[in-house]
Amino acid sequence: MQCRLGCGACCIAPSITSPIPGMPRGKPAGVRCAQLDDHNLCRLFGQPERPAVCSQFKPDAVVCGGSNAQALAVLSELEAATLRA
């Protein structure tokens, strides 16, 4: 599966503890990554500065669903579930 261009759910919903340019302490869940542009595209895509956790994330139909809103909802639910675990 390919990423849905302009989705950005994986750059908003989850917390990221790795340093990100512009966010040296990472980012909390539900906060837009500083590297997400106005079109929900990653400014660091393909760049060595992109955190490994971001590069290693692979889109999947179960996680990404059929729309950007569905992807955001699923990833938000998964993030919440990790807090309860």
PDB file of N, CA and C in Angstrom:
ATOM      1  N   MET A   1       0.844  -1.184   0.000  1.00  0.00           N
ATOM      2  CA  MET A   1       0.000   0.000   0.000  1.00  0.00           C
ATOM      3  C   MET A   1       0.884   1.241   0.000  1.00  0.00           C
ATOM      4  N   GLN A   2       0.466   2.256  -0.705  1.00  0.00           N
ATOM      5  CA  GLN A   2       1.163   3.543  -0.746  1.00  0.00           C
ATOM      6  C   GLN A   2       0.496   4.519   0.217  1.00  0.00           C
ATOM      7  N   CYS A   3       1.271   5.446   0.747  1.00  0.00           N
ATOM      8  CA  CYS A   3       0.682   6.501   1.575  1.00  0.00           C
ATOM      9  C   CYS A   3      -0.300   7.309   0.732  1.00  0.00           C
ATOM     10  N   ARG A   4      -1.369   7.756   1.389  1.00  0.00           N
ATOM     11  CA  ARG A   4      -2.339   8.630   0.752  1.00  0.00           C
ATOM     12  C   ARG A   4      -1.780  10.043   0.852  1.00  0.00           C
ATOM     13  N   LEU A   5      -1.392  10.624  -0.265  1.00  0.00           N
ATOM     14  CA  LEU A   5      -0.811  11.969  -0.251  1.00  0.00           C
ATOM     15  C   LEU A   5      -1.758  12.953   0.414  1.00  0.00           C
ATOM     16  N   GLY A   6      -1.188  13.766   1.284  1.00  0.00           N
ATOM     17  CA  GLY A   6      -1.972  14.786   1.954  1.00  0.00           C
ATOM     18  C   GLY A   6      -2.743  14.289   3.159  1.00  0.00           C
ATOM     19  N   CYS A   7      -2.494  13.054   3.596  1.00  0.00           N
ATOM     20  CA  CYS A   7      -3.201  12.510   4.756  1.00  0.00           C
ATOM     21  C   CYS A   7      -2.633  13.110   6.042  1.00  0.00           C
ATOM     22  N   GLY A   8      -1.379  12.830   6.332  1.00  0.00           N
ATOM     23  CA  GLY A   8      -0.708  13.396   7.499  1.00  0.00           C
ATOM     24  C   GLY A   8      -1.122  12.819   8.838  1.00  0.00           C
ATOM     25  N   ALA A   9      -2.007  11.828   8.864  1.00  0.00           N
ATOM     26  CA  ALA A   9      -2.489  11.288  10.137  1.00  0.00           C
ATOM     27  C   ALA A   9      -1.350  10.751  10.997  1.00  0.00           C
ATOM     28  N   CYS A  10      -0.362  10.118  10.383  1.00  0.00           N
ATOM     29  CA  CYS A  10       0.752   9.555  11.143  1.00  0.00           C
ATOM     30  C   CYS A  10       1.690  10.649  11.660  1.00  0.00           C
ATOM     31  N   CYS A  11       1.492  11.870  11.199  1.00  0.00           N
ATOM     32  CA  CYS A  11       2.292  13.016  11.654  1.00  0.00           C
ATOM     33  C   CYS A  11       1.512  13.875  12.651  1.00  0.00           C
ATOM     34  N   ILE A  12       0.312  13.441  12.980  1.00  0.00           N
ATOM     35  CA  ILE A  12      -0.540  14.186  13.919  1.00  0.00           C
ATOM     36  C   ILE A  12      -0.921  13.313  15.112  1.00  0.00           C
ATOM     37  N   ALA A  13      -1.507  12.153  14.865  1.00  0.00           N
ATOM     38  CA  ALA A  13      -2.107  11.342  15.930  1.00  0.00           C
ATOM     39  C   ALA A  13      -1.106  10.803  16.957  1.00  0.00           C
ATOM     40  N   PRO A  14      -0.032  10.159  16.532  1.00  0.00           N
ATOM     41  CA  PRO A  14       0.824   9.524  17.542  1.00  0.00           C
ATOM     42  C   PRO A  14       1.798  10.503  18.203  1.00  0.00           C
ATOM     43  N   SER A  15       2.194  10.127  19.413  1.00  0.00           N
ATOM     44  CA  SER A  15       3.299  10.847  20.044  1.00  0.00           C
ATOM     45  C   SER A  15       4.587  10.321  19.407  1.00  0.00           C
ATOM     46  N   ILE A  16       5.579  11.173  19.316  1.00  0.00           N
ATOM     47  CA  ILE A  16       6.892  10.789  18.785  1.00  0.00           C
ATOM     48  C   ILE A  16       7.917  11.276  19.793  1.00  0.00           C
ATOM     49  N   THR A  17       8.680  10.368  20.351  1.00  0.00           N
ATOM     50  CA  THR A  17       9.649  10.740  21.370  1.00  0.00           C
ATOM     51  C   THR A  17      11.012  11.092  20.794  1.00  0.00           C
ATOM     52  N   SER A  18      11.247  10.764  19.542  1.00  0.00           N
ATOM     53  CA  SER A  18      12.512  11.105  18.887  1.00  0.00           C
ATOM     54  C   SER A  18      12.566  12.588  18.580  1.00  0.00           C
ATOM     55  N   PRO A  19      13.758  13.184  18.650  1.00  0.00           N
ATOM     56  CA  PRO A  19      13.884  14.585  18.239  1.00  0.00           C
ATOM     57  C   PRO A  19      13.512  14.751  16.763  1.00  0.00           C
ATOM     58  N   ILE A  20      12.844  15.842  16.479  1.00  0.00           N
ATOM     59  CA  ILE A  20      12.445  16.213  15.120  1.00  0.00           C
ATOM     60  C   ILE A  20      12.938  17.637  14.923  1.00  0.00           C
ATOM     61  N   PRO A  21      13.523  17.977  13.772  1.00  0.00           N
ATOM     62  CA  PRO A  21      13.896  19.377  13.570  1.00  0.00           C
ATOM     63  C   PRO A  21      12.707  20.303  13.855  1.00  0.00           C
ATOM     64  N   GLY A  22      12.910  21.247  14.751  1.00  0.00           N
ATOM     65  CA  GLY A  22      11.837  22.146  15.156  1.00  0.00           C
ATOM     66  C   GLY A  22      11.083  21.657  16.378  1.00  0.00           C
ATOM     67  N   MET A  23      11.308  20.406  16.750  1.00  0.00           N
ATOM     68  CA  MET A  23      10.669  19.796  17.927  1.00  0.00           C
ATOM     69  C   MET A  23      11.714  18.899  18.604  1.00  0.00           C
ATOM     70  N   PRO A  24      12.691  19.496  19.269  1.00  0.00           N
ATOM     71  CA  PRO A  24      13.818  18.714  19.796  1.00  0.00           C
ATOM     72  C   PRO A  24      13.446  17.663  20.838  1.00  0.00           C
ATOM     73  N   ARG A  25      12.277  17.793  21.458  1.00  0.00           N
ATOM     74  CA  ARG A  25      11.830  16.799  22.442  1.00  0.00           C
ATOM     75  C   ARG A  25      10.763  15.879  21.861  1.00  0.00           C
ATOM     76  N   GLY A  26      10.628  15.857  20.560  1.00  0.00           N
ATOM     77  CA  GLY A  26       9.594  15.058  19.917  1.00  0.00           C
ATOM     78  C   GLY A  26       8.278  15.809  19.932  1.00  0.00           C
ATOM     79  N   LYS A  27       7.178  15.082  19.786  1.00  0.00           N
ATOM     80  CA  LYS A  27       5.864  15.736  19.767  1.00  0.00           C
ATOM     81  C   LYS A  27       4.840  14.911  20.519  1.00  0.00           C
ATOM     82  N   PRO A  28       3.922  15.584  21.188  1.00  0.00           N
ATOM     83  CA  PRO A  28       2.849  14.852  21.870  1.00  0.00           C
ATOM     84  C   PRO A  28       1.781  14.375  20.882  1.00  0.00           C
ATOM     85  N   ALA A  29       1.022  13.400  21.317  1.00  0.00           N
ATOM     86  CA  ALA A  29      -0.080  12.886  20.506  1.00  0.00           C
ATOM     87  C   ALA A  29      -1.079  13.995  20.214  1.00  0.00           C
ATOM     88  N   GLY A  30      -1.581  13.998  18.988  1.00  0.00           N
ATOM     89  CA  GLY A  30      -2.605  14.965  18.601  1.00  0.00           C
ATOM     90  C   GLY A  30      -2.074  16.312  18.160  1.00  0.00           C
ATOM     91  N   VAL A  31      -0.765  16.487  18.193  1.00  0.00           N
ATOM     92  CA  VAL A  31      -0.134  17.747  17.786  1.00  0.00           C
ATOM     93  C   VAL A  31       0.501  17.547  16.416  1.00  0.00           C
ATOM     94  N   ARG A  32       0.267  18.498  15.524  1.00  0.00           N
ATOM     95  CA  ARG A  32       0.879  18.424  14.191  1.00  0.00           C
ATOM     96  C   ARG A  32       2.395  18.501  14.302  1.00  0.00           C
ATOM     97  N   CYS A  33       3.079  17.669  13.580  1.00  0.00           N
ATOM     98  CA  CYS A  33       4.532  17.741  13.509  1.00  0.00           C
ATOM     99  C   CYS A  33       4.925  19.072  12.878  1.00  0.00           C
ATOM    100  N   ALA A  34       5.980  19.671  13.375  1.00  0.00           N
ATOM    101  CA  ALA A  34       6.476  20.937  12.837  1.00  0.00           C
ATOM    102  C   ALA A  34       6.913  20.798  11.381  1.00  0.00           C
ATOM    103  N   GLN A  35       7.188  19.575  10.950  1.00  0.00           N
ATOM    104  CA  GLN A  35       7.650  19.353   9.581  1.00  0.00           C
ATOM    105  C   GLN A  35       6.524  19.001   8.609  1.00  0.00           C
ATOM    106  N   LEU A  36       5.298  19.048   9.079  1.00  0.00           N
ATOM    107  CA  LEU A  36       4.139  18.786   8.227  1.00  0.00           C
ATOM    108  C   LEU A  36       3.721  20.102   7.581  1.00  0.00           C
ATOM    109  N   ASP A  37       3.737  20.148   6.252  1.00  0.00           N
ATOM    110  CA  ASP A  37       3.423  21.415   5.576  1.00  0.00           C
ATOM    111  C   ASP A  37       1.914  21.643   5.469  1.00  0.00           C
ATOM    112  N   ASP A  38       1.529  22.731   4.837  1.00  0.00           N
ATOM    113  CA  ASP A  38       0.112  23.094   4.707  1.00  0.00           C
ATOM    114  C   ASP A  38      -0.704  22.100   3.880  1.00  0.00           C
ATOM    115  N   HIS A  39      -0.018  21.243   3.132  1.00  0.00           N
ATOM    116  CA  HIS A  39      -0.685  20.231   2.310  1.00  0.00           C
ATOM    117  C   HIS A  39      -0.589  18.849   2.964  1.00  0.00           C
ATOM    118  N   ASN A  40      -0.216  18.822   4.247  1.00  0.00           N
ATOM    119  CA  ASN A  40      -0.034  17.583   5.008  1.00  0.00           C
ATOM    120  C   ASN A  40       1.014  16.664   4.388  1.00  0.00           C
ATOM    121  N   LEU A  41       2.076  17.258   3.887  1.00  0.00           N
ATOM    122  CA  LEU A  41       3.204  16.498   3.358  1.00  0.00           C
ATOM    123  C   LEU A  41       4.412  16.755   4.246  1.00  0.00           C
ATOM    124  N   CYS A  42       5.212  15.723   4.455  1.00  0.00           N
ATOM    125  CA  CYS A  42       6.389  15.827   5.310  1.00  0.00           C
ATOM    126  C   CYS A  42       7.517  16.550   4.575  1.00  0.00           C
ATOM    127  N   ARG A  43       8.019  17.609   5.188  1.00  0.00           N
ATOM    128  CA  ARG A  43       9.141  18.354   4.607  1.00  0.00           C
ATOM    129  C   ARG A  43      10.439  17.546   4.668  1.00  0.00           C
ATOM    130  N   LEU A  44      10.493  16.528   5.533  1.00  0.00           N
ATOM    131  CA  LEU A  44      11.708  15.732   5.711  1.00  0.00           C
ATOM    132  C   LEU A  44      11.680  14.408   4.963  1.00  0.00           C
ATOM    133  N   PHE A  45      10.595  14.128   4.250  1.00  0.00           N
ATOM    134  CA  PHE A  45      10.469  12.842   3.562  1.00  0.00           C
ATOM    135  C   PHE A  45      11.696  12.610   2.677  1.00  0.00           C
ATOM    136  N   GLY A  46      12.340  11.466   2.875  1.00  0.00           N
ATOM    137  CA  GLY A  46      13.524  11.111   2.090  1.00  0.00           C
ATOM    138  C   GLY A  46      14.801  11.782   2.545  1.00  0.00           C
ATOM    139  N   GLN A  47      14.741  12.583   3.605  1.00  0.00           N
ATOM    140  CA  GLN A  47      15.914  13.297   4.102  1.00  0.00           C
ATOM    141  C   GLN A  47      16.518  12.542   5.289  1.00  0.00           C
ATOM    142  N   PRO A  48      17.830  12.656   5.482  1.00  0.00           N
ATOM    143  CA  PRO A  48      18.461  11.952   6.610  1.00  0.00           C
ATOM    144  C   PRO A  48      18.028  12.481   7.975  1.00  0.00           C
ATOM    145  N   GLU A  49      17.503  13.697   8.043  1.00  0.00           N
ATOM    146  CA  GLU A  49      17.053  14.271   9.309  1.00  0.00           C
ATOM    147  C   GLU A  49      15.721  13.681   9.782  1.00  0.00           C
ATOM    148  N   ARG A  50      15.040  12.991   8.912  1.00  0.00           N
ATOM    149  CA  ARG A  50      13.745  12.398   9.270  1.00  0.00           C
ATOM    150  C   ARG A  50      13.958  11.326  10.331  1.00  0.00           C
ATOM    151  N   PRO A  51      13.221  11.377  11.445  1.00  0.00           N
ATOM    152  CA  PRO A  51      13.401  10.376  12.496  1.00  0.00           C
ATOM    153  C   PRO A  51      13.170   8.954  11.982  1.00  0.00           C
ATOM    154  N   ALA A  52      13.932   8.028  12.530  1.00  0.00           N
ATOM    155  CA  ALA A  52      13.819   6.621  12.118  1.00  0.00           C
ATOM    156  C   ALA A  52      12.404   6.090  12.317  1.00  0.00           C
ATOM    157  N   VAL A  53      11.752   6.489  13.405  1.00  0.00           N
ATOM    158  CA  VAL A  53      10.392   6.007  13.665  1.00  0.00           C
ATOM    159  C   VAL A  53       9.452   6.404  12.529  1.00  0.00           C
ATOM    160  N   CYS A  54       9.667   7.548  11.945  1.00  0.00           N
ATOM    161  CA  CYS A  54       8.834   8.001  10.824  1.00  0.00           C
ATOM    162  C   CYS A  54       9.153   7.209   9.558  1.00  0.00           C
ATOM    163  N   SER A  55      10.436   7.007   9.302  1.00  0.00           N
ATOM    164  CA  SER A  55      10.853   6.267   8.108  1.00  0.00           C
ATOM    165  C   SER A  55      10.400   4.813   8.167  1.00  0.00           C
ATOM    166  N   GLN A  56      10.336   4.255   9.374  1.00  0.00           N
ATOM    167  CA  GLN A  56       9.983   2.850   9.532  1.00  0.00           C
ATOM    168  C   GLN A  56       8.479   2.593   9.502  1.00  0.00           C
ATOM    169  N   PHE A  57       7.675   3.635   9.674  1.00  0.00           N
ATOM    170  CA  PHE A  57       6.222   3.459   9.636  1.00  0.00           C
ATOM    171  C   PHE A  57       5.797   3.124   8.212  1.00  0.00           C
ATOM    172  N   LYS A  58       5.056   2.065   8.061  1.00  0.00           N
ATOM    173  CA  LYS A  58       4.580   1.634   6.741  1.00  0.00           C
ATOM    174  C   LYS A  58       3.053   1.699   6.716  1.00  0.00           C
ATOM    175  N   PRO A  59       2.484   2.277   5.670  1.00  0.00           N
ATOM    176  CA  PRO A  59       1.032   2.337   5.572  1.00  0.00           C
ATOM    177  C   PRO A  59       0.437   0.941   5.441  1.00  0.00           C
ATOM    178  N   ASP A  60      -0.750   0.796   5.998  1.00  0.00           N
ATOM    179  CA  ASP A  60      -1.462  -0.474   5.958  1.00  0.00           C
ATOM    180  C   ASP A  60      -2.949  -0.159   5.892  1.00  0.00           C
ATOM    181  N   ALA A  61      -3.691  -0.925   5.128  1.00  0.00           N
ATOM    182  CA  ALA A  61      -5.123  -0.664   4.947  1.00  0.00           C
ATOM    183  C   ALA A  61      -5.876  -0.652   6.272  1.00  0.00           C
ATOM    184  N   VAL A  62      -5.470  -1.489   7.222  1.00  0.00           N
ATOM    185  CA  VAL A  62      -6.146  -1.537   8.526  1.00  0.00           C
ATOM    186  C   VAL A  62      -5.932  -0.234   9.288  1.00  0.00           C
ATOM    187  N   VAL A  63      -4.739   0.311   9.214  1.00  0.00           N
ATOM    188  CA  VAL A  63      -4.405   1.534   9.937  1.00  0.00           C
ATOM    189  C   VAL A  63      -4.879   2.775   9.176  1.00  0.00           C
ATOM    190  N   CYS A  64      -4.691   2.784   7.886  1.00  0.00           N
ATOM    191  CA  CYS A  64      -4.974   3.977   7.083  1.00  0.00           C
ATOM    192  C   CYS A  64      -6.438   4.103   6.670  1.00  0.00           C
ATOM    193  N   GLY A  65      -7.161   2.993   6.669  1.00  0.00           N
ATOM    194  CA  GLY A  65      -8.570   3.042   6.315  1.00  0.00           C
ATOM    195  C   GLY A  65      -8.809   3.574   4.914  1.00  0.00           C
ATOM    196  N   GLY A  66      -9.992   4.108   4.708  1.00  0.00           N
ATOM    197  CA  GLY A  66     -10.387   4.572   3.384  1.00  0.00           C
ATOM    198  C   GLY A  66     -10.349   6.075   3.200  1.00  0.00           C
ATOM    199  N   SER A  67      -9.966   6.808   4.258  1.00  0.00           N
ATOM    200  CA  SER A  67      -9.920   8.261   4.153  1.00  0.00           C
ATOM    201  C   SER A  67      -8.923   8.823   5.167  1.00  0.00           C
ATOM    202  N   ASN A  68      -8.575  10.082   4.993  1.00  0.00           N
ATOM    203  CA  ASN A  68      -7.675  10.748   5.935  1.00  0.00           C
ATOM    204  C   ASN A  68      -8.296  10.780   7.327  1.00  0.00           C
ATOM    205  N   ALA A  69      -9.597  11.078   7.402  1.00  0.00           N
ATOM    206  CA  ALA A  69     -10.285  11.148   8.692  1.00  0.00           C
ATOM    207  C   ALA A  69     -10.290   9.786   9.380  1.00  0.00           C
ATOM    208  N   GLN A  70     -10.479   8.734   8.617  1.00  0.00           N
ATOM    209  CA  GLN A  70     -10.478   7.397   9.187  1.00  0.00           C
ATOM    210  C   GLN A  70      -9.082   7.036   9.698  1.00  0.00           C
ATOM    211  N   ALA A  71      -8.051   7.379   8.965  1.00  0.00           N
ATOM    212  CA  ALA A  71      -6.675   7.121   9.400  1.00  0.00           C
ATOM    213  C   ALA A  71      -6.380   7.861  10.701  1.00  0.00           C
ATOM    214  N   LEU A  72      -6.804   9.093  10.795  1.00  0.00           N
ATOM    215  CA  LEU A  72      -6.585   9.879  12.005  1.00  0.00           C
ATOM    216  C   LEU A  72      -7.307   9.244  13.191  1.00  0.00           C
ATOM    217  N   ALA A  73      -8.526   8.784  12.975  1.00  0.00           N
ATOM    218  CA  ALA A  73      -9.297   8.145  14.040  1.00  0.00           C
ATOM    219  C   ALA A  73      -8.640   6.847  14.501  1.00  0.00           C
ATOM    220  N   VAL A  74      -8.213   6.009  13.558  1.00  0.00           N
ATOM    221  CA  VAL A  74      -7.596   4.725  13.909  1.00  0.00           C
ATOM    222  C   VAL A  74      -6.283   4.957  14.646  1.00  0.00           C
ATOM    223  N   LEU A  75      -5.445   5.842  14.128  1.00  0.00           N
ATOM    224  CA  LEU A  75      -4.160   6.097  14.777  1.00  0.00           C
ATOM    225  C   LEU A  75      -4.343   6.741  16.151  1.00  0.00           C
ATOM    226  N   SER A  76      -5.333   7.575  16.293  1.00  0.00           N
ATOM    227  CA  SER A  76      -5.621   8.178  17.593  1.00  0.00           C
ATOM    228  C   SER A  76      -6.061   7.110  18.587  1.00  0.00           C
ATOM    229  N   GLU A  77      -6.877   6.179  18.139  1.00  0.00           N
ATOM    230  CA  GLU A  77      -7.320   5.077  18.998  1.00  0.00           C
ATOM    231  C   GLU A  77      -6.142   4.189  19.385  1.00  0.00           C
ATOM    232  N   LEU A  78      -5.267   3.892  18.450  1.00  0.00           N
ATOM    233  CA  LEU A  78      -4.086   3.076  18.764  1.00  0.00           C
ATOM    234  C   LEU A  78      -3.178   3.802  19.761  1.00  0.00           C
ATOM    235  N   GLU A  79      -3.022   5.091  19.593  1.00  0.00           N
ATOM    236  CA  GLU A  79      -2.207   5.878  20.530  1.00  0.00           C
ATOM    237  C   GLU A  79      -2.823   5.810  21.926  1.00  0.00           C
ATOM    238  N   ALA A  80      -4.131   5.982  22.020  1.00  0.00           N
ATOM    239  CA  ALA A  80      -4.809   5.924  23.317  1.00  0.00           C
ATOM    240  C   ALA A  80      -4.667   4.529  23.941  1.00  0.00           C
ATOM    241  N   ALA A  81      -4.730   3.503  23.127  1.00  0.00           N
ATOM    242  CA  ALA A  81      -4.616   2.139  23.640  1.00  0.00           C
ATOM    243  C   ALA A  81      -3.221   1.895  24.229  1.00  0.00           C
ATOM    244  N   THR A  82      -2.201   2.486  23.657  1.00  0.00           N
ATOM    245  CA  THR A  82      -0.850   2.292  24.193  1.00  0.00           C
ATOM    246  C   THR A  82      -0.693   2.988  25.541  1.00  0.00           C
ATOM    247  N   LEU A  83      -1.464   4.034  25.778  1.00  0.00           N
ATOM    248  CA  LEU A  83      -1.414   4.720  27.070  1.00  0.00           C
ATOM    249  C   LEU A  83      -2.081   3.893  28.165  1.00  0.00           C
ATOM    250  N   ARG A  84      -3.099   3.113  27.771  1.00  0.00           N
ATOM    251  CA  ARG A  84      -3.816   2.264  28.737  1.00  0.00           C
ATOM    252  C   ARG A  84      -3.058   0.981  29.037  1.00  0.00           C
ATOM    253  N   ALA A  85      -2.163   0.611  28.142  1.00  0.00           N
ATOM    254  CA  ALA A  85      -1.443  -0.686  28.301  1.00  0.00           C
ATOM    255  C   ALA A  85      -0.401  -0.625  29.395  1.00  0.00           C
TER     256      ALA A  85
END
